[in-house]
Each structure stands twice: as structure tokens, then as C-alpha cells.
Amino acid sequence: MNFLIFAISAVVVVLAAVQLNRYGDVISQKSKLSGAVVGTFLIAGATSLPELTTSLTAVYIDNPDIAVGNMLGSNVFNVLILAAVDLMYRKQKMFNSIPPKHHLPSAIAGIIFTLVVVVSLLMGSTLSLFNIGIEMFILVGLYILTVRFFENDEAEEMDEAAATGKTVSLKGASIGFAISAIVVFAAGSALSISGDQLAQQTGMSSSFVGSFLIAASTSLPELVTVLVAFKMGNYDMAVGSILGSNLFNLQLLAITDLFYQKGPILNATSDSNLPIALLFIGMMVLTIFMMVRKNAESFTRYAAPSLLIVVTYFVSSYFLF
């Protein structure tokens, strides 16, 4: 029954999150809010709402491993999406077609943000302020600096990304957005609770459930976004949406820590979250290599890094399981 609830919840989360993105695009087109504000908060929040909901529910049921593992695992799965889609559409050679300067800063920022988490996990016990780990304040500060630096680029990207729902009114889009958010909240909660039960009943670690099963489910909307971008031939959008989502997910750790009242949440997690964070950094290093390398014309040379990312993901999931 828990497997059934988990599967149904995952499907509902994906369908509702796709609607969130659709209505968010309409709001960004028709509202008086600036593109940067809508793109940074509304769209990014919509895409990451499944991750936030499941992690907050995990905090409520006192399972910090699922809460943290979900965020880190979602980022890992996002990079897997890029690599897998790149292999599927290998003839287009996506990474040969995008300007590195558009995406290198956000890719490097993702590594730096994750290194902050890695250091905190290695220390085991970090300083806290108002029961929130000091590393969370560092993450938020770094994110604000990053957003301020790239806000003009983000606004342009959101204008390009708005491609659906042009016939929906602003009022209709706002109502649809609110309803979709409520559905995501309910389904995301069910996802965390059923995932916690699965961990207890099957003997799987909570970190594995959060980092791979739940994270994969909540990251499926990003997969839809990337596939749509590929069909449009907009490879910049495909890569940018993944890298931007990764940065935003790491900020949601701070919100999760805010609601965890037993102290810094990273202090309460198991050691198995460390290899997940390191796995993300390794996958991002390979992604950066694909951005900056000189044009790889042969299939073997071009596809090798993406193939290595996919293989590494599944080998890591096997050992963590």
C-alpha cells in the first residue's frame, strides 16, 4: 500500500508541478512584476515547491535524513537529467552549442554552495544562530550575491522561457497557480510520509529514500522542462533551468533548517548524505568540462562525460542502497 501511495503521489506531484510552471509563465508575461522578480521567486519557487513540501513534511515527522537527502538528491538527479537527455539527443551535441559564459558562473556557484554543505557535514557539529546552522546564513548570503549578479540575464531567460498558456488570463493563471500549489503541497506531504514508511518497512536507509526515490520523483518536472526546451531547440534554456534549480534547491535547505527546531539540521543527518553531496560536485565538474572543452566531433569523445555521469549515478545509488 505504501508503494502504491508513493507512486500515485509522485505522479500527482509531477502533473501539478507542470501546471505550476505553465501558470507561472503566464503570470510572468501578464503581471506588472519585473521579470527578475517573477523568475527568481515565482517560477523557481514553483519548480522547487515539490522539494520544499516533501522536506518540510520530513521535518514534521522528524526524519532529517529525508529532508536533507531530498534536496541534495534532487540536484544530483537534475544533473543526471542533463546527461541522459544529452545522450538521447547526442546528434544535436548540446554542450557544443551553448556559450560557456552563460552557464559557467551558475555551475561554479552550485559547486561552491555544495562545498559549504560538505564542510558542515564533515565538521559534524556547527555553530548555530536561533537554532539555524551558520552555514545556512552563508548559503543565503551567497545566493543573494549570485542573484544580484545575474538578475538581468535571468530576466531575459524568463522572457524567452514563457512559451505556453498565452490564452489564459492573469486572474485565471493566479487561481490555477494557487490550486496547483495546494495539490503539490498535499501530494508532496504524502510522498514524504509514504517514503518514511517505506524506509522503515523495507530496511532501506532514509538517505537513500530521500536522495534517490523521493528526489527523482520531485525532479521529474525539471525533466519535462528540459525536454520541452530541446524540442524548441533552446539548449540555453535546458541547461539554465537545471543549473538555476540546483541553486534554488540549496536555498531551500535554509528554510528546512528554519522549521527544524532541534538545532542545525545538518548536525542531525547521517554520514550517508556526504557522498551524495560529493557525487553532485563530481558530476558538476564533468558538466563544466563539457562546457569548456573544445568541440568534440566524434561520438565517443563527445558522449563519454555524459555516459560517465549516468553510470556514476546508478553505481552510487546501488552502493547507497
C-alpha atoms as a PDB file:
ATOM      1  CA  MET A   1       0.000   0.000   0.000  1.00  0.00           C
ATOM      2  CA  ASN A   2       2.836   2.419   0.796  1.00  0.00           C
ATOM      3  CA  PHE A   3       4.433   1.694  -2.575  1.00  0.00           C
ATOM      4  CA  LEU A   4       1.072   2.447  -4.223  1.00  0.00           C
ATOM      5  CA  ILE A   5       0.620   5.700  -2.267  1.00  0.00           C
ATOM      6  CA  PHE A   6       4.203   6.693  -3.083  1.00  0.00           C
ATOM      7  CA  ALA A   7       3.710   6.030  -6.820  1.00  0.00           C
ATOM      8  CA  ILE A   8       0.367   7.870  -7.016  1.00  0.00           C
ATOM      9  CA  SER A   9       1.757  10.815  -5.056  1.00  0.00           C
ATOM     10  CA  ALA A  10       4.761  11.026  -7.394  1.00  0.00           C
ATOM     11  CA  VAL A  11       2.502  11.145 -10.468  1.00  0.00           C
ATOM     12  CA  VAL A  12       0.280  13.829  -8.904  1.00  0.00           C
ATOM     13  CA  VAL A  13       3.316  15.921  -7.922  1.00  0.00           C
ATOM     14  CA  VAL A  14       4.658  15.822 -11.483  1.00  0.00           C
ATOM     15  CA  LEU A  15       1.332  16.727 -13.115  1.00  0.00           C
ATOM     16  CA  ALA A  16       0.639  19.549 -10.642  1.00  0.00           C
ATOM     17  CA  ALA A  17       4.192  20.910 -10.906  1.00  0.00           C
ATOM     18  CA  VAL A  18       3.907  21.045 -14.704  1.00  0.00           C
ATOM     19  CA  GLN A  19       0.742  23.151 -14.279  1.00  0.00           C
ATOM     20  CA  LEU A  20       2.578  25.362 -11.784  1.00  0.00           C
ATOM     21  CA  ASN A  21       5.207  26.121 -14.399  1.00  0.00           C
ATOM     22  CA  ARG A  22       2.555  26.759 -17.053  1.00  0.00           C
ATOM     23  CA  TYR A  23       0.611  29.225 -14.921  1.00  0.00           C
ATOM     24  CA  GLY A  24       3.819  30.794 -13.665  1.00  0.00           C
ATOM     25  CA  ASP A  25       4.840  31.507 -17.272  1.00  0.00           C
ATOM     26  CA  VAL A  26       1.518  33.285 -17.868  1.00  0.00           C
ATOM     27  CA  ILE A  27       1.891  35.368 -14.696  1.00  0.00           C
ATOM     28  CA  SER A  28       5.413  36.375 -15.717  1.00  0.00           C
ATOM     29  CA  GLN A  29       4.065  37.578 -19.085  1.00  0.00           C
ATOM     30  CA  LYS A  30       0.943  39.407 -17.937  1.00  0.00           C
ATOM     31  CA  SER A  31       1.696  40.758 -14.459  1.00  0.00           C
ATOM     32  CA  LYS A  32       3.384  44.064 -13.621  1.00  0.00           C
ATOM     33  CA  LEU A  33       6.072  42.288 -11.638  1.00  0.00           C
ATOM     34  CA  SER A  34       9.544  42.522 -13.116  1.00  0.00           C
ATOM     35  CA  GLY A  35      10.886  39.523 -14.976  1.00  0.00           C
ATOM     36  CA  ALA A  36      13.691  39.144 -12.447  1.00  0.00           C
ATOM     37  CA  VAL A  37      11.270  39.045  -9.501  1.00  0.00           C
ATOM     38  CA  VAL A  38       8.920  36.573 -11.185  1.00  0.00           C
ATOM     39  CA  GLY A  39      11.750  34.415 -12.479  1.00  0.00           C
ATOM     40  CA  THR A  40      13.736  34.379  -9.250  1.00  0.00           C
ATOM     41  CA  PHE A  41      10.877  33.785  -6.829  1.00  0.00           C
ATOM     42  CA  LEU A  42       7.695  32.628  -8.565  1.00  0.00           C
ATOM     43  CA  ILE A  43       8.985  30.296 -11.282  1.00  0.00           C
ATOM     44  CA  ALA A  44      11.935  28.976  -9.313  1.00  0.00           C
ATOM     45  CA  GLY A  45       9.671  28.519  -6.308  1.00  0.00           C
ATOM     46  CA  ALA A  46       7.088  26.712  -8.426  1.00  0.00           C
ATOM     47  CA  THR A  47       9.665  24.307  -9.843  1.00  0.00           C
ATOM     48  CA  SER A  48      11.118  23.604  -6.404  1.00  0.00           C
ATOM     49  CA  LEU A  49       7.849  23.503  -4.452  1.00  0.00           C
ATOM     50  CA  PRO A  50       7.700  19.677  -4.550  1.00  0.00           C
ATOM     51  CA  GLU A  51      11.178  19.511  -2.960  1.00  0.00           C
ATOM     52  CA  LEU A  52      10.251  22.082  -0.305  1.00  0.00           C
ATOM     53  CA  THR A  53       6.961  20.388   0.563  1.00  0.00           C
ATOM     54  CA  THR A  54       8.478  16.932   0.922  1.00  0.00           C
ATOM     55  CA  SER A  55      11.394  18.216   3.001  1.00  0.00           C
ATOM     56  CA  LEU A  56       9.173  20.242   5.354  1.00  0.00           C
ATOM     57  CA  THR A  57       6.944  17.204   5.825  1.00  0.00           C
ATOM     58  CA  ALA A  58      10.041  15.124   6.575  1.00  0.00           C
ATOM     59  CA  VAL A  59      10.974  17.682   9.253  1.00  0.00           C
ATOM     60  CA  TYR A  60       7.462  17.445  10.708  1.00  0.00           C
ATOM     61  CA  ILE A  61       7.737  13.648  11.012  1.00  0.00           C
ATOM     62  CA  ASP A  62      11.274  14.090  12.419  1.00  0.00           C
ATOM     63  CA  ASN A  63      13.203  12.466   9.570  1.00  0.00           C
ATOM     64  CA  PRO A  64      16.013  14.937   8.786  1.00  0.00           C
ATOM     65  CA  ASP A  65      17.774  12.451   6.503  1.00  0.00           C
ATOM     66  CA  ILE A  66      14.851  12.507   4.063  1.00  0.00           C
ATOM     67  CA  ALA A  67      14.636  16.311   4.354  1.00  0.00           C
ATOM     68  CA  VAL A  68      18.309  16.917   3.502  1.00  0.00           C
ATOM     69  CA  GLY A  69      18.713  13.928   1.192  1.00  0.00           C
ATOM     70  CA  ASN A  70      15.768  15.099  -0.895  1.00  0.00           C
ATOM     71  CA  MET A  71      17.415  18.457  -1.622  1.00  0.00           C
ATOM     72  CA  LEU A  72      20.890  17.068  -2.346  1.00  0.00           C
ATOM     73  CA  GLY A  73      19.481  14.139  -4.284  1.00  0.00           C
ATOM     74  CA  SER A  74      17.287  16.404  -6.415  1.00  0.00           C
ATOM     75  CA  ASN A  75      20.371  18.307  -7.527  1.00  0.00           C
ATOM     76  CA  VAL A  76      22.141  15.052  -8.391  1.00  0.00           C
ATOM     77  CA  PHE A  77      19.109  13.865 -10.344  1.00  0.00           C
ATOM     78  CA  ASN A  78      18.904  17.211 -12.163  1.00  0.00           C
ATOM     79  CA  VAL A  79      22.454  16.765 -13.483  1.00  0.00           C
ATOM     80  CA  LEU A  80      21.555  13.191 -14.442  1.00  0.00           C
ATOM     81  CA  ILE A  81      18.643  14.604 -16.469  1.00  0.00           C
ATOM     82  CA  LEU A  82      21.007  16.824 -18.457  1.00  0.00           C
ATOM     83  CA  ALA A  83      23.425  13.968 -19.113  1.00  0.00           C
ATOM     84  CA  ALA A  84      20.696  11.469 -20.046  1.00  0.00           C
ATOM     85  CA  VAL A  85      18.918  13.876 -22.403  1.00  0.00           C
ATOM     86  CA  ASP A  86      22.287  14.820 -23.916  1.00  0.00           C
ATOM     87  CA  LEU A  87      22.873  11.128 -24.675  1.00  0.00           C
ATOM     88  CA  MET A  88      19.356  10.687 -26.072  1.00  0.00           C
ATOM     89  CA  TYR A  89      19.789  13.661 -28.415  1.00  0.00           C
ATOM     90  CA  ARG A  90      23.505  13.111 -28.980  1.00  0.00           C
ATOM     91  CA  LYS A  91      23.358  14.152 -32.635  1.00  0.00           C
ATOM     92  CA  GLN A  92      22.465  17.718 -31.576  1.00  0.00           C
ATOM     93  CA  LYS A  93      25.643  17.921 -29.407  1.00  0.00           C
ATOM     94  CA  MET A  94      24.035  20.284 -26.883  1.00  0.00           C
ATOM     95  CA  PHE A  95      27.190  21.217 -24.986  1.00  0.00           C
ATOM     96  CA  ASN A  96      28.935  22.184 -28.238  1.00  0.00           C
ATOM     97  CA  SER A  97      26.098  24.622 -28.967  1.00  0.00           C
ATOM     98  CA  ILE A  98      25.874  26.684 -25.752  1.00  0.00           C
ATOM     99  CA  PRO A  99      28.140  29.634 -24.879  1.00  0.00           C
ATOM    100  CA  PRO A 100      30.096  28.629 -21.740  1.00  0.00           C
ATOM    101  CA  LYS A 101      29.991  32.187 -20.342  1.00  0.00           C
ATOM    102  CA  HIS A 102      26.194  31.927 -19.996  1.00  0.00           C
ATOM    103  CA  HIS A 103      26.325  28.971 -17.621  1.00  0.00           C
ATOM    104  CA  LEU A 104      29.783  28.658 -16.075  1.00  0.00           C
ATOM    105  CA  PRO A 105      29.077  31.159 -13.263  1.00  0.00           C
ATOM    106  CA  SER A 106      25.933  29.338 -12.069  1.00  0.00           C
ATOM    107  CA  ALA A 107      27.656  25.939 -12.409  1.00  0.00           C
ATOM    108  CA  ILE A 108      30.604  27.125 -10.317  1.00  0.00           C
ATOM    109  CA  ALA A 109      28.205  28.712  -7.800  1.00  0.00           C
ATOM    110  CA  GLY A 110      26.449  25.330  -7.422  1.00  0.00           C
ATOM    111  CA  ILE A 111      29.772  23.689  -6.551  1.00  0.00           C
ATOM    112  CA  ILE A 112      30.663  26.438  -4.053  1.00  0.00           C
ATOM    113  CA  PHE A 113      27.250  26.226  -2.362  1.00  0.00           C
ATOM    114  CA  THR A 114      27.560  22.450  -2.072  1.00  0.00           C
ATOM    115  CA  LEU A 115      31.094  22.733  -0.670  1.00  0.00           C
ATOM    116  CA  VAL A 116      29.620  24.810   2.172  1.00  0.00           C
ATOM    117  CA  VAL A 117      27.287  21.876   2.914  1.00  0.00           C
ATOM    118  CA  VAL A 118      30.157  19.372   2.632  1.00  0.00           C
ATOM    119  CA  VAL A 119      32.292  21.300   5.140  1.00  0.00           C
ATOM    120  CA  SER A 120      29.352  21.432   7.570  1.00  0.00           C
ATOM    121  CA  LEU A 121      28.736  17.684   7.211  1.00  0.00           C
ATOM    122  CA  LEU A 122      32.448  16.949   7.762  1.00  0.00           C
ATOM    123  CA  MET A 123      32.554  19.115  10.889  1.00  0.00           C
ATOM    124  CA  GLY A 124      29.618  17.180  12.317  1.00  0.00           C
ATOM    125  CA  SER A 125      28.703  19.932  14.756  1.00  0.00           C
ATOM    126  CA  THR A 126      28.499  23.517  13.523  1.00  0.00           C
ATOM    127  CA  LEU A 127      27.774  26.859  15.131  1.00  0.00           C
ATOM    128  CA  SER A 128      24.141  27.908  15.215  1.00  0.00           C
ATOM    129  CA  LEU A 129      22.111  31.094  15.480  1.00  0.00           C
ATOM    130  CA  PHE A 130      18.449  30.845  16.536  1.00  0.00           C
ATOM    131  CA  ASN A 131      18.772  27.038  16.157  1.00  0.00           C
ATOM    132  CA  ILE A 132      19.790  27.509  12.496  1.00  0.00           C
ATOM    133  CA  GLY A 133      23.210  26.367  11.314  1.00  0.00           C
ATOM    134  CA  ILE A 134      25.597  29.200  10.466  1.00  0.00           C
ATOM    135  CA  GLU A 135      26.196  27.516   7.092  1.00  0.00           C
ATOM    136  CA  MET A 136      22.607  28.318   6.123  1.00  0.00           C
ATOM    137  CA  PHE A 137      23.214  32.045   6.573  1.00  0.00           C
ATOM    138  CA  ILE A 138      26.290  31.670   4.372  1.00  0.00           C
ATOM    139  CA  LEU A 139      24.247  29.897   1.685  1.00  0.00           C
ATOM    140  CA  VAL A 140      21.555  32.590   1.680  1.00  0.00           C
ATOM    141  CA  GLY A 141      24.168  35.354   1.519  1.00  0.00           C
ATOM    142  CA  LEU A 142      25.948  33.697  -1.403  1.00  0.00           C
ATOM    143  CA  TYR A 143      22.628  33.177  -3.209  1.00  0.00           C
ATOM    144  CA  ILE A 144      21.655  36.848  -2.838  1.00  0.00           C
ATOM    145  CA  LEU A 145      25.014  37.883  -4.300  1.00  0.00           C
ATOM    146  CA  THR A 146      24.564  35.416  -7.169  1.00  0.00           C
ATOM    147  CA  VAL A 147      21.031  36.615  -7.957  1.00  0.00           C
ATOM    148  CA  ARG A 148      22.074  40.265  -7.925  1.00  0.00           C
ATOM    149  CA  PHE A 149      24.938  39.461 -10.274  1.00  0.00           C
ATOM    150  CA  PHE A 150      22.786  37.569 -12.768  1.00  0.00           C
ATOM    151  CA  GLU A 151      19.359  39.194 -12.387  1.00  0.00           C
ATOM    152  CA  ASN A 152      19.468  40.830 -15.823  1.00  0.00           C
ATOM    153  CA  ASP A 153      20.330  37.541 -17.528  1.00  0.00           C
ATOM    154  CA  GLU A 154      17.611  35.742 -15.576  1.00  0.00           C
ATOM    155  CA  ALA A 155      15.006  38.274 -16.668  1.00  0.00           C
ATOM    156  CA  GLU A 156      15.931  37.743 -20.311  1.00  0.00           C
ATOM    157  CA  GLU A 157      15.842  33.972 -19.920  1.00  0.00           C
ATOM    158  CA  MET A 158      12.385  34.075 -18.334  1.00  0.00           C
ATOM    159  CA  ASP A 159      11.091  36.179 -21.224  1.00  0.00           C
ATOM    160  CA  GLU A 160      12.406  33.521 -23.612  1.00  0.00           C
ATOM    161  CA  ALA A 161      11.088  30.662 -21.489  1.00  0.00           C
ATOM    162  CA  ALA A 162       7.480  31.857 -21.371  1.00  0.00           C
ATOM    163  CA  ALA A 163       6.035  29.761 -24.137  1.00  0.00           C
ATOM    164  CA  THR A 164       2.724  28.314 -23.019  1.00  0.00           C
ATOM    165  CA  GLY A 165      -0.689  29.338 -21.843  1.00  0.00           C
ATOM    166  CA  LYS A 166      -0.899  32.628 -23.756  1.00  0.00           C
ATOM    167  CA  THR A 167      -4.703  32.470 -23.883  1.00  0.00           C
ATOM    168  CA  VAL A 168      -5.107  32.211 -20.081  1.00  0.00           C
ATOM    169  CA  SER A 169      -5.995  35.423 -18.236  1.00  0.00           C
ATOM    170  CA  LEU A 170      -3.870  36.742 -15.355  1.00  0.00           C
ATOM    171  CA  LYS A 171      -6.704  36.039 -12.885  1.00  0.00           C
ATOM    172  CA  GLY A 172      -7.174  32.523 -14.228  1.00  0.00           C
ATOM    173  CA  ALA A 173      -3.435  31.878 -14.097  1.00  0.00           C
ATOM    174  CA  SER A 174      -3.249  33.129 -10.490  1.00  0.00           C
ATOM    175  CA  ILE A 175      -6.114  30.867  -9.412  1.00  0.00           C
ATOM    176  CA  GLY A 176      -4.632  27.918 -11.301  1.00  0.00           C
ATOM    177  CA  PHE A 177      -1.233  28.576  -9.740  1.00  0.00           C
ATOM    178  CA  ALA A 178      -2.725  28.627  -6.224  1.00  0.00           C
ATOM    179  CA  ILE A 179      -4.729  25.420  -6.779  1.00  0.00           C
ATOM    180  CA  SER A 180      -1.713  23.642  -8.266  1.00  0.00           C
ATOM    181  CA  ALA A 181       0.414  24.750  -5.311  1.00  0.00           C
ATOM    182  CA  ILE A 182      -2.126  23.265  -2.869  1.00  0.00           C
ATOM    183  CA  VAL A 183      -2.162  19.983  -4.817  1.00  0.00           C
ATOM    184  CA  VAL A 184       1.641  19.856  -4.802  1.00  0.00           C
ATOM    185  CA  PHE A 185       1.633  20.528  -1.061  1.00  0.00           C
ATOM    186  CA  ALA A 186      -0.791  17.663  -0.373  1.00  0.00           C
ATOM    187  CA  ALA A 187       0.860  15.180  -2.745  1.00  0.00           C
ATOM    188  CA  GLY A 188       4.350  16.157  -1.599  1.00  0.00           C
ATOM    189  CA  SER A 189       3.363  15.529   2.004  1.00  0.00           C
ATOM    190  CA  ALA A 190       2.020  12.105   1.075  1.00  0.00           C
ATOM    191  CA  LEU A 191       5.273  11.435  -0.788  1.00  0.00           C
ATOM    192  CA  SER A 192       7.391  12.116   2.321  1.00  0.00           C
ATOM    193  CA  ILE A 193       5.172  10.196   4.724  1.00  0.00           C
ATOM    194  CA  SER A 194       4.928   7.137   2.466  1.00  0.00           C
ATOM    195  CA  GLY A 195       8.683   7.360   1.801  1.00  0.00           C
ATOM    196  CA  ASP A 196       9.368   7.376   5.532  1.00  0.00           C
ATOM    197  CA  GLN A 197       7.145   4.312   5.944  1.00  0.00           C
ATOM    198  CA  LEU A 198       8.926   2.552   3.069  1.00  0.00           C
ATOM    199  CA  ALA A 199      12.287   3.179   4.736  1.00  0.00           C
ATOM    200  CA  GLN A 200      11.032   1.633   7.967  1.00  0.00           C
ATOM    201  CA  GLN A 201       9.262  -1.340   6.360  1.00  0.00           C
ATOM    202  CA  THR A 202      11.910  -2.308   3.786  1.00  0.00           C
ATOM    203  CA  GLY A 203      15.070  -1.526   5.729  1.00  0.00           C
ATOM    204  CA  MET A 204      16.221   0.974   3.121  1.00  0.00           C
ATOM    205  CA  SER A 205      18.116   3.924   4.610  1.00  0.00           C
ATOM    206  CA  SER A 206      16.238   7.213   4.875  1.00  0.00           C
ATOM    207  CA  SER A 207      19.082   8.889   2.986  1.00  0.00           C
ATOM    208  CA  PHE A 208      18.592   6.515   0.047  1.00  0.00           C
ATOM    209  CA  VAL A 209      14.821   7.048   0.047  1.00  0.00           C
ATOM    210  CA  GLY A 210      15.230  10.829   0.194  1.00  0.00           C
ATOM    211  CA  SER A 211      18.188  11.135  -2.161  1.00  0.00           C
ATOM    212  CA  PHE A 212      17.043   8.783  -4.887  1.00  0.00           C
ATOM    213  CA  LEU A 213      13.379   7.725  -4.706  1.00  0.00           C
ATOM    214  CA  ILE A 214      11.800  10.975  -3.494  1.00  0.00           C
ATOM    215  CA  ALA A 215      14.387  13.203  -5.189  1.00  0.00           C
ATOM    216  CA  ALA A 216      13.804  11.523  -8.540  1.00  0.00           C
ATOM    217  CA  SER A 217      10.044  11.974  -8.178  1.00  0.00           C
ATOM    218  CA  THR A 218      10.220  15.658  -7.264  1.00  0.00           C
ATOM    219  CA  SER A 219      12.729  16.368 -10.064  1.00  0.00           C
ATOM    220  CA  LEU A 220      10.544  14.998 -12.860  1.00  0.00           C
ATOM    221  CA  PRO A 221       9.085  18.488 -13.589  1.00  0.00           C
ATOM    222  CA  GLU A 222      12.645  19.593 -14.431  1.00  0.00           C
ATOM    223  CA  LEU A 223      12.848  16.676 -16.871  1.00  0.00           C
ATOM    224  CA  VAL A 224       9.694  17.921 -18.600  1.00  0.00           C
ATOM    225  CA  THR A 225      11.177  21.444 -18.791  1.00  0.00           C
ATOM    226  CA  VAL A 226      14.409  20.171 -20.352  1.00  0.00           C
ATOM    227  CA  LEU A 227      12.581  18.016 -22.916  1.00  0.00           C
ATOM    228  CA  VAL A 228      10.382  20.962 -23.937  1.00  0.00           C
ATOM    229  CA  ALA A 229      13.468  23.158 -24.282  1.00  0.00           C
ATOM    230  CA  PHE A 230      15.110  20.518 -26.503  1.00  0.00           C
ATOM    231  CA  LYS A 231      12.056  20.334 -28.753  1.00  0.00           C
ATOM    232  CA  MET A 232      12.249  24.128 -29.083  1.00  0.00           C
ATOM    233  CA  GLY A 233      15.975  23.850 -29.858  1.00  0.00           C
ATOM    234  CA  ASN A 234      16.689  26.160 -26.915  1.00  0.00           C
ATOM    235  CA  TYR A 235      19.685  24.436 -25.319  1.00  0.00           C
ATOM    236  CA  ASP A 236      20.495  27.512 -23.244  1.00  0.00           C
ATOM    237  CA  MET A 237      17.105  27.187 -21.558  1.00  0.00           C
ATOM    238  CA  ALA A 238      17.619  23.458 -20.958  1.00  0.00           C
ATOM    239  CA  VAL A 239      20.959  23.922 -19.206  1.00  0.00           C
ATOM    240  CA  GLY A 240      19.987  27.168 -17.454  1.00  0.00           C
ATOM    241  CA  SER A 241      16.800  25.735 -15.954  1.00  0.00           C
ATOM    242  CA  ILE A 242      18.714  22.840 -14.379  1.00  0.00           C
ATOM    243  CA  LEU A 243      21.567  24.931 -13.001  1.00  0.00           C
ATOM    244  CA  GLY A 244      19.157  27.556 -11.652  1.00  0.00           C
ATOM    245  CA  SER A 245      17.001  24.903  -9.996  1.00  0.00           C
ATOM    246  CA  ASN A 246      20.093  23.449  -8.308  1.00  0.00           C
ATOM    247  CA  LEU A 247      20.975  26.808  -6.755  1.00  0.00           C
ATOM    248  CA  PHE A 248      17.422  27.353  -5.550  1.00  0.00           C
ATOM    249  CA  ASN A 249      17.174  23.866  -4.042  1.00  0.00           C
ATOM    250  CA  LEU A 250      20.219  24.556  -1.883  1.00  0.00           C
ATOM    251  CA  GLN A 251      18.482  27.661  -0.537  1.00  0.00           C
ATOM    252  CA  LEU A 252      15.521  25.535   0.471  1.00  0.00           C
ATOM    253  CA  LEU A 253      17.847  23.776   2.906  1.00  0.00           C
ATOM    254  CA  ALA A 254      17.866  27.037   4.891  1.00  0.00           C
ATOM    255  CA  ILE A 255      14.048  27.089   5.012  1.00  0.00           C
ATOM    256  CA  THR A 256      14.060  23.450   6.082  1.00  0.00           C
ATOM    257  CA  ASP A 257      16.567  24.249   8.842  1.00  0.00           C
ATOM    258  CA  LEU A 258      14.352  27.143   9.986  1.00  0.00           C
ATOM    259  CA  PHE A 259      11.498  24.724  10.674  1.00  0.00           C
ATOM    260  CA  TYR A 260      13.713  22.094  12.304  1.00  0.00           C
ATOM    261  CA  GLN A 261      13.601  23.082  15.983  1.00  0.00           C
ATOM    262  CA  LYS A 262      16.153  20.608  17.375  1.00  0.00           C
ATOM    263  CA  GLY A 263      19.198  22.573  16.230  1.00  0.00           C
ATOM    264  CA  PRO A 264      21.084  22.761  12.888  1.00  0.00           C
ATOM    265  CA  ILE A 265      19.516  20.140  10.636  1.00  0.00           C
ATOM    266  CA  LEU A 266      22.856  19.098   9.106  1.00  0.00           C
ATOM    267  CA  ASN A 267      24.009  18.089  12.595  1.00  0.00           C
ATOM    268  CA  ALA A 268      21.102  15.631  12.805  1.00  0.00           C
ATOM    269  CA  THR A 269      21.690  13.836   9.499  1.00  0.00           C
ATOM    270  CA  SER A 270      23.627  10.636   8.902  1.00  0.00           C
ATOM    271  CA  ASP A 271      27.010  10.323   7.214  1.00  0.00           C
ATOM    272  CA  SER A 272      25.385   8.915   4.073  1.00  0.00           C
ATOM    273  CA  ASN A 273      24.441  12.441   2.930  1.00  0.00           C
ATOM    274  CA  LEU A 274      28.126  13.337   2.487  1.00  0.00           C
ATOM    275  CA  PRO A 275      28.757  11.030  -0.511  1.00  0.00           C
ATOM    276  CA  ILE A 276      25.599  12.414  -2.163  1.00  0.00           C
ATOM    277  CA  ALA A 277      26.947  15.967  -1.874  1.00  0.00           C
ATOM    278  CA  LEU A 278      30.347  14.844  -3.171  1.00  0.00           C
ATOM    279  CA  LEU A 279      28.654  12.961  -6.012  1.00  0.00           C
ATOM    280  CA  PHE A 280      26.937  16.183  -7.075  1.00  0.00           C
ATOM    281  CA  ILE A 281      30.237  18.075  -7.071  1.00  0.00           C
ATOM    282  CA  GLY A 282      31.886  15.374  -9.197  1.00  0.00           C
ATOM    283  CA  MET A 283      29.013  15.380 -11.684  1.00  0.00           C
ATOM    284  CA  MET A 284      29.146  19.177 -11.893  1.00  0.00           C
ATOM    285  CA  VAL A 285      32.896  19.100 -12.575  1.00  0.00           C
ATOM    286  CA  LEU A 286      32.189  16.796 -15.537  1.00  0.00           C
ATOM    287  CA  THR A 287      29.389  19.130 -16.692  1.00  0.00           C
ATOM    288  CA  ILE A 288      31.746  22.129 -16.571  1.00  0.00           C
ATOM    289  CA  PHE A 289      34.324  20.125 -18.539  1.00  0.00           C
ATOM    290  CA  MET A 290      31.711  19.522 -21.253  1.00  0.00           C
ATOM    291  CA  MET A 291      31.004  23.266 -21.394  1.00  0.00           C
ATOM    292  CA  VAL A 292      34.601  24.450 -21.723  1.00  0.00           C
ATOM    293  CA  ARG A 293      36.208  21.715 -23.832  1.00  0.00           C
ATOM    294  CA  LYS A 294      36.919  22.351 -27.469  1.00  0.00           C
ATOM    295  CA  ASN A 295      34.354  20.960 -29.882  1.00  0.00           C
ATOM    296  CA  ALA A 296      34.319  17.179 -29.633  1.00  0.00           C
ATOM    297  CA  GLU A 297      33.203  15.986 -33.048  1.00  0.00           C
ATOM    298  CA  SER A 298      33.419  12.198 -32.676  1.00  0.00           C
ATOM    299  CA  PHE A 299      30.580  10.461 -30.850  1.00  0.00           C
ATOM    300  CA  THR A 300      32.932   8.673 -28.424  1.00  0.00           C
ATOM    301  CA  ARG A 301      34.739  11.832 -27.336  1.00  0.00           C
ATOM    302  CA  TYR A 302      31.548  13.848 -27.080  1.00  0.00           C
ATOM    303  CA  ALA A 303      29.366  11.329 -25.270  1.00  0.00           C
ATOM    304  CA  ALA A 304      31.954   9.945 -22.815  1.00  0.00           C
ATOM    305  CA  PRO A 305      31.422  12.539 -19.997  1.00  0.00           C
ATOM    306  CA  SER A 306      27.609  12.273 -20.131  1.00  0.00           C
ATOM    307  CA  LEU A 307      27.844   8.491 -20.153  1.00  0.00           C
ATOM    308  CA  LEU A 308      30.196   8.627 -17.153  1.00  0.00           C
ATOM    309  CA  ILE A 309      27.695  10.801 -15.252  1.00  0.00           C
ATOM    310  CA  VAL A 310      24.861   8.336 -15.903  1.00  0.00           C
ATOM    311  CA  VAL A 311      26.949   5.296 -14.914  1.00  0.00           C
ATOM    312  CA  THR A 312      28.273   7.036 -11.782  1.00  0.00           C
ATOM    313  CA  TYR A 313      24.740   7.900 -10.696  1.00  0.00           C
ATOM    314  CA  PHE A 314      23.469   4.330 -10.887  1.00  0.00           C
ATOM    315  CA  VAL A 315      26.608   2.803  -9.342  1.00  0.00           C
ATOM    316  CA  SER A 316      26.371   5.283  -6.444  1.00  0.00           C
ATOM    317  CA  SER A 317      22.669   4.567  -5.930  1.00  0.00           C
ATOM    318  CA  TYR A 318      23.437   0.839  -5.782  1.00  0.00           C
ATOM    319  CA  PHE A 319      26.077   1.266  -3.065  1.00  0.00           C
ATOM    320  CA  LEU A 320      23.933   3.713  -1.060  1.00  0.00           C
ATOM    321  CA  PHE A 321      21.009   1.287  -1.291  1.00  0.00           C
END
